[in-house]
Amino acid sequence: MSIKVGSRIFAPGLFTTLLTVVLIAMLISLGRWQLRRADEKRVLFDSFAKGADATRLIDLGTPRLPRYQHIEAGGTL
């Protein structure tokens, strides 16, 4: 199949057509991956921000803290 544009003829071969289709599919896939990754990052940043809501004072008997929990520690020498 060929297309005439002005004085030029556009006639892509089978290899270049298949290569173009594969590249377009890959680029669409990468774009979707970036959108999913952006959602994951948004959830991560929200989790971090929630941890900043309440700072805890800790001592040696404090149980395991939630992820991204902000803490304040004090002591004497």
Protein backbone atom coordinates (compact mmCIF):
# COMPACT_ATOMS: atom_id res chain seq x y z
CA MET A 1 0.00 0.00 0.00
CA SER A 2 1.34 3.42 -0.86
CA ILE A 3 0.14 6.95 -0.31
CA LYS A 4 0.97 9.80 -2.63
CA VAL A 5 1.66 13.11 -0.90
CA GLY A 6 2.42 15.86 -3.37
CA SER A 7 5.16 14.58 -5.62
CA ARG A 8 6.32 11.97 -3.07
CA ILE A 9 5.14 8.43 -2.51
CA PHE A 10 4.94 7.00 1.00
CA ALA A 11 5.24 3.20 0.92
CA PRO A 12 6.31 1.72 4.28
CA GLY A 13 7.65 -1.83 4.32
CA LEU A 14 6.39 -4.66 6.49
CA PHE A 15 9.39 -4.48 8.86
CA THR A 16 9.04 -0.75 9.53
CA THR A 17 5.29 -1.07 10.04
CA LEU A 18 5.72 -3.90 12.56
CA LEU A 19 8.53 -2.03 14.30
CA THR A 20 6.34 1.07 14.60
CA VAL A 21 3.44 -0.94 16.05
CA VAL A 22 5.74 -2.59 18.60
CA LEU A 23 7.29 0.74 19.62
CA ILE A 24 3.90 2.40 20.01
CA ALA A 25 2.73 -0.51 22.21
CA MET A 26 5.88 -0.22 24.33
CA LEU A 27 5.49 3.55 24.74
CA ILE A 28 1.85 3.18 25.78
CA SER A 29 2.88 0.52 28.29
CA LEU A 30 5.59 2.78 29.72
CA GLY A 31 3.12 5.65 30.00
CA ARG A 32 0.68 3.47 31.94
CA TRP A 33 3.52 2.30 34.20
CA GLN A 34 4.39 5.93 34.97
CA LEU A 35 0.77 6.66 35.88
CA ARG A 36 0.67 3.65 38.24
CA ARG A 37 3.98 4.70 39.77
CA ALA A 38 2.63 8.23 40.31
CA ASP A 39 -0.32 6.76 42.23
CA GLU A 40 2.06 4.67 44.36
CA LYS A 41 4.15 7.76 45.13
CA ARG A 42 1.02 9.74 46.04
CA VAL A 43 0.03 7.04 48.56
CA LEU A 44 3.57 7.00 49.94
CA PHE A 45 3.63 10.78 50.41
CA ASP A 46 0.19 10.69 52.05
CA SER A 47 1.44 8.04 54.49
CA PHE A 48 4.45 10.17 55.29
CA ALA A 49 2.28 13.25 55.87
CA LYS A 50 -0.03 11.32 58.22
CA GLY A 51 3.00 10.31 60.29
CA ALA A 52 3.81 13.99 60.76
CA ASP A 53 0.42 14.64 62.41
CA ALA A 54 1.49 13.43 65.84
CA THR A 55 5.00 13.37 67.21
CA ARG A 56 5.59 10.78 69.93
CA LEU A 57 7.99 10.94 72.81
CA ILE A 58 9.84 7.66 73.10
CA ASP A 59 11.56 5.77 75.88
CA LEU A 60 13.13 2.34 76.01
CA GLY A 61 9.79 0.65 76.66
CA THR A 62 8.01 2.09 73.60
CA PRO A 63 6.53 -0.57 71.32
CA ARG A 64 7.29 -0.63 67.60
CA LEU A 65 6.16 2.60 65.93
CA PRO A 66 4.12 2.86 62.74
CA ARG A 67 6.01 3.57 59.55
CA TYR A 68 6.91 7.27 59.06
CA GLN A 69 5.96 8.12 62.65
CA HIS A 70 7.83 11.22 63.73
CA ILE A 71 9.52 10.81 67.09
CA GLU A 72 11.25 12.99 69.63
CA ALA A 73 13.88 11.58 71.95
CA GLY A 74 15.62 13.10 74.92
CA GLY A 75 18.16 12.04 77.47
CA THR A 76 21.02 13.00 79.72
CA LEU A 77 24.68 12.11 79.68
